[in-house]
Amino acid sequence: MLVNAVLCESCKDLVYSRAEQDIRYCSCGRVGVKGGHKFVTLVNEDAEHVKHRVEVEATERQLIDDWRSCQNVFGVISGK
């Protein structure tokens, strides 16, 4: 499924929120997003970032279940 994500210009991680209440940060902590996979709301507005649409191999239900269970399989695509 396509999700809205933010690329951190510092660590090159792509970060996206899995559910409306989910807050995810990149590995360096400079970029944070919230609000779910359909919308991107930055937690720290002054961070250097670029918005993207990214294909994630998961359903909406899998993203929400991942957030609820705190498994953290989804939400960050490492730039390393």
Protein backbone atom coordinates (compact mmCIF):
# COMPACT_ATOMS: atom_id res chain seq x y z
CA MET A 1 0.00 0.00 0.00
CA LEU A 2 1.10 3.59 -0.56
CA VAL A 3 1.91 5.63 2.55
CA ASN A 4 2.95 9.23 3.06
CA ALA A 5 6.46 9.37 4.49
CA VAL A 6 9.18 11.88 5.31
CA LEU A 7 12.84 11.47 4.41
CA CYS A 8 15.24 12.74 7.07
CA GLU A 9 18.03 14.62 5.30
CA SER A 10 20.44 13.78 8.14
CA CYS A 11 20.19 9.99 8.54
CA LYS A 12 18.31 9.23 5.27
CA ASP A 13 15.58 7.22 7.06
CA LEU A 14 12.06 7.29 5.60
CA VAL A 15 9.57 7.65 8.44
CA TYR A 16 5.81 7.13 8.38
CA SER A 17 3.07 6.87 10.97
CA ARG A 18 1.14 3.59 11.17
CA ALA A 19 -2.02 4.80 12.97
CA GLU A 20 -3.62 8.13 13.89
CA GLN A 21 -2.13 8.10 17.41
CA ASP A 22 1.26 6.72 16.30
CA ILE A 23 4.37 8.91 16.52
CA ARG A 24 7.50 7.64 14.76
CA TYR A 25 11.01 9.12 14.68
CA CYS A 26 13.96 8.51 12.39
CA SER A 27 17.05 6.83 13.84
CA CYS A 28 18.83 10.14 14.55
CA GLY A 29 15.69 11.63 16.16
CA ARG A 30 15.59 14.78 14.05
CA VAL A 31 12.40 13.93 12.12
CA GLY A 32 9.20 12.74 13.72
CA VAL A 33 5.79 12.16 12.15
CA LYS A 34 2.31 11.48 13.46
CA GLY A 35 -1.26 11.20 12.25
CA GLY A 36 -1.37 7.90 10.36
CA HIS A 37 -0.16 6.72 6.99
CA LYS A 38 -2.60 8.84 4.95
CA PHE A 39 -1.41 12.16 6.36
CA VAL A 40 1.98 13.43 7.46
CA THR A 41 2.18 15.81 10.38
CA LEU A 42 5.71 16.70 11.43
CA VAL A 43 6.48 16.60 15.13
CA ASN A 44 9.46 18.95 14.77
CA GLU A 45 8.74 21.47 12.02
CA ASP A 46 12.30 22.81 11.73
CA ALA A 47 13.86 19.46 10.73
CA GLU A 48 15.31 19.15 7.24
CA HIS A 49 13.05 16.73 5.39
CA VAL A 50 11.45 15.81 2.07
CA LYS A 51 7.93 14.36 1.76
CA HIS A 52 7.47 11.15 -0.25
CA ARG A 53 4.87 8.53 -1.13
CA VAL A 54 6.30 5.08 -0.51
CA GLU A 55 5.04 1.58 -1.30
CA VAL A 56 5.01 -0.57 1.86
CA GLU A 57 4.32 -4.29 1.69
CA ALA A 58 1.59 -4.26 4.34
CA THR A 59 -2.12 -3.73 4.63
CA GLU A 60 -3.70 -0.96 6.67
CA ARG A 61 -4.72 -3.58 9.25
CA GLN A 62 -1.12 -4.86 9.52
CA LEU A 63 0.16 -1.32 10.11
CA ILE A 64 -2.39 -0.67 12.86
CA ASP A 65 -1.78 -4.08 14.46
CA ASP A 66 1.98 -3.43 14.39
CA TRP A 67 1.45 -0.15 16.25
CA ARG A 68 -0.99 -1.67 18.78
CA SER A 69 1.27 -4.62 19.57
CA CYS A 70 4.44 -2.44 19.74
CA GLN A 71 6.24 -4.82 17.39
CA ASN A 72 7.67 -1.89 15.38
CA VAL A 73 8.17 -3.87 12.18
CA PHE A 74 6.78 -0.95 10.15
CA GLY A 75 7.13 2.83 10.39
CA VAL A 76 10.80 3.39 9.53
CA ILE A 77 12.67 2.41 6.39
CA SER A 78 16.34 2.63 7.30
CA GLY A 79 18.58 4.72 5.11
CA LYS A 80 21.63 2.71 6.15
